């Protein structure tokens, strides 16, 4: 059986670091680590963050053949901790 996860790949941007995320990617990575065959359908931009995302996804061991590369910027989610507000 192959599990297909569809949705966003983005960077969680903290004040001091950026972490690759997006719920579909997180689910895909964890299922892969548990031994499932996973197909991730998503998209990233052709920017530096998109290139880094593809490299990180490959390093996890996921196939990137169904991740589209667009001329848009790769998505981000800016994270602010309560103490910083």
C-alpha atoms as a PDB file:
ATOM      1  CA  UNK A   1       0.000   0.000   0.000  1.00  0.00           C
ATOM      2  CA  UNK A   2       1.145   3.548  -0.750  1.00  0.00           C
ATOM      3  CA  UNK A   3       0.042   6.472   1.393  1.00  0.00           C
ATOM      4  CA  UNK A   4      -0.496   9.701  -0.518  1.00  0.00           C
ATOM      5  CA  UNK A   5      -0.174  12.968   1.414  1.00  0.00           C
ATOM      6  CA  UNK A   6      -1.264  16.142  -0.342  1.00  0.00           C
ATOM      7  CA  UNK A   7      -0.572  19.673   0.836  1.00  0.00           C
ATOM      8  CA  UNK A   8       1.891  22.313   1.794  1.00  0.00           C
ATOM      9  CA  UNK A   9       5.604  22.280   2.349  1.00  0.00           C
ATOM     10  CA  UNK A  10       6.743  25.432   4.117  1.00  0.00           C
ATOM     11  CA  UNK A  11       9.369  26.858   6.434  1.00  0.00           C
ATOM     12  CA  UNK A  12       8.547  27.727  10.030  1.00  0.00           C
ATOM     13  CA  UNK A  13      10.560  30.919  10.515  1.00  0.00           C
ATOM     14  CA  UNK A  14      11.604  31.492  14.130  1.00  0.00           C
ATOM     15  CA  UNK A  15      13.630  34.529  15.189  1.00  0.00           C
ATOM     16  CA  UNK A  16      16.765  32.381  15.439  1.00  0.00           C
ATOM     17  CA  UNK A  17      16.217  29.547  12.945  1.00  0.00           C
ATOM     18  CA  UNK A  18      14.107  28.102  10.136  1.00  0.00           C
ATOM     19  CA  UNK A  19      12.615  24.606  10.332  1.00  0.00           C
ATOM     20  CA  UNK A  20      11.086  22.728   7.441  1.00  0.00           C
ATOM     21  CA  UNK A  21       7.440  21.935   8.068  1.00  0.00           C
ATOM     22  CA  UNK A  22       3.900  21.752   6.859  1.00  0.00           C
ATOM     23  CA  UNK A  23       1.535  19.124   8.236  1.00  0.00           C
ATOM     24  CA  UNK A  24       1.493  16.929   5.080  1.00  0.00           C
ATOM     25  CA  UNK A  25       5.293  16.868   4.990  1.00  0.00           C
ATOM     26  CA  UNK A  26       5.505  16.058   8.710  1.00  0.00           C
ATOM     27  CA  UNK A  27       3.005  13.200   8.316  1.00  0.00           C
ATOM     28  CA  UNK A  28       4.850  11.916   5.232  1.00  0.00           C
ATOM     29  CA  UNK A  29       8.223  11.968   6.981  1.00  0.00           C
ATOM     30  CA  UNK A  30       6.926  10.149  10.050  1.00  0.00           C
ATOM     31  CA  UNK A  31       5.093   7.502   8.029  1.00  0.00           C
ATOM     32  CA  UNK A  32       8.267   6.961   5.995  1.00  0.00           C
ATOM     33  CA  UNK A  33      10.289   6.556   9.202  1.00  0.00           C
ATOM     34  CA  UNK A  34       7.765   3.908  10.311  1.00  0.00           C
ATOM     35  CA  UNK A  35       8.360   1.987   7.088  1.00  0.00           C
ATOM     36  CA  UNK A  36       5.409   3.048   4.953  1.00  0.00           C
ATOM     37  CA  UNK A  37       5.749   3.800   1.242  1.00  0.00           C
ATOM     38  CA  UNK A  38       4.737   7.444   0.949  1.00  0.00           C
ATOM     39  CA  UNK A  39       4.011   9.778  -1.953  1.00  0.00           C
ATOM     40  CA  UNK A  40       4.022  13.491  -1.132  1.00  0.00           C
ATOM     41  CA  UNK A  41       2.176  15.762  -3.572  1.00  0.00           C
ATOM     42  CA  UNK A  42       3.072  19.392  -2.997  1.00  0.00           C
ATOM     43  CA  UNK A  43       4.896  22.381  -4.388  1.00  0.00           C
ATOM     44  CA  UNK A  44       7.759  24.700  -3.548  1.00  0.00           C
ATOM     45  CA  UNK A  45       9.120  27.844  -5.096  1.00  0.00           C
ATOM     46  CA  UNK A  46      12.213  28.078  -7.260  1.00  0.00           C
ATOM     47  CA  UNK A  47      13.807  30.280  -4.580  1.00  0.00           C
ATOM     48  CA  UNK A  48      16.582  29.368  -2.139  1.00  0.00           C
ATOM     49  CA  UNK A  49      14.092  28.065   0.444  1.00  0.00           C
ATOM     50  CA  UNK A  50      12.509  25.808  -2.162  1.00  0.00           C
ATOM     51  CA  UNK A  51      15.865  24.374  -3.156  1.00  0.00           C
ATOM     52  CA  UNK A  52      16.747  23.772   0.516  1.00  0.00           C
ATOM     53  CA  UNK A  53      13.348  22.156   1.070  1.00  0.00           C
ATOM     54  CA  UNK A  54      13.838  19.717  -1.804  1.00  0.00           C
ATOM     55  CA  UNK A  55      17.306  18.803  -0.533  1.00  0.00           C
ATOM     56  CA  UNK A  56      15.971  18.214   2.988  1.00  0.00           C
ATOM     57  CA  UNK A  57      13.046  16.138   1.714  1.00  0.00           C
ATOM     58  CA  UNK A  58      15.439  13.971  -0.308  1.00  0.00           C
ATOM     59  CA  UNK A  59      17.646  13.581   2.779  1.00  0.00           C
ATOM     60  CA  UNK A  60      14.637  12.251   4.697  1.00  0.00           C
ATOM     61  CA  UNK A  61      14.293   9.621   1.977  1.00  0.00           C
ATOM     62  CA  UNK A  62      11.080  10.856   0.398  1.00  0.00           C
ATOM     63  CA  UNK A  63      10.589  10.987  -3.367  1.00  0.00           C
ATOM     64  CA  UNK A  64      10.368  14.548  -4.712  1.00  0.00           C
ATOM     65  CA  UNK A  65       8.994  13.600  -8.153  1.00  0.00           C
ATOM     66  CA  UNK A  66       5.504  14.837  -7.263  1.00  0.00           C
ATOM     67  CA  UNK A  67       6.630  18.150  -5.798  1.00  0.00           C
ATOM     68  CA  UNK A  68       6.082  20.925  -8.326  1.00  0.00           C
ATOM     69  CA  UNK A  69       8.501  23.829  -8.570  1.00  0.00           C
ATOM     70  CA  UNK A  70       6.843  27.160  -9.302  1.00  0.00           C
ATOM     71  CA  UNK A  71       8.045  30.706  -9.900  1.00  0.00           C
ATOM     72  CA  UNK A  72       6.430  31.715  -6.604  1.00  0.00           C
ATOM     73  CA  UNK A  73       8.252  31.992  -3.293  1.00  0.00           C
ATOM     74  CA  UNK A  74       8.227  28.963  -1.016  1.00  0.00           C
ATOM     75  CA  UNK A  75       5.728  29.357   1.800  1.00  0.00           C
ATOM     76  CA  UNK A  76       6.698  30.468   5.280  1.00  0.00           C
ATOM     77  CA  UNK A  77       5.001  30.691   8.650  1.00  0.00           C
ATOM     78  CA  UNK A  78       6.513  33.333  10.898  1.00  0.00           C
ATOM     79  CA  UNK A  79       6.666  32.090  14.482  1.00  0.00           C
ATOM     80  CA  UNK A  80       6.596  34.481  17.438  1.00  0.00           C
ATOM     81  CA  UNK A  81       7.048  33.176  20.945  1.00  0.00           C
ATOM     82  CA  UNK A  82       4.819  34.659  23.703  1.00  0.00           C
ATOM     83  CA  UNK A  83       7.793  36.162  25.570  1.00  0.00           C
ATOM     84  CA  UNK A  84       8.647  38.160  22.442  1.00  0.00           C
ATOM     85  CA  UNK A  85       5.228  39.768  22.030  1.00  0.00           C
END
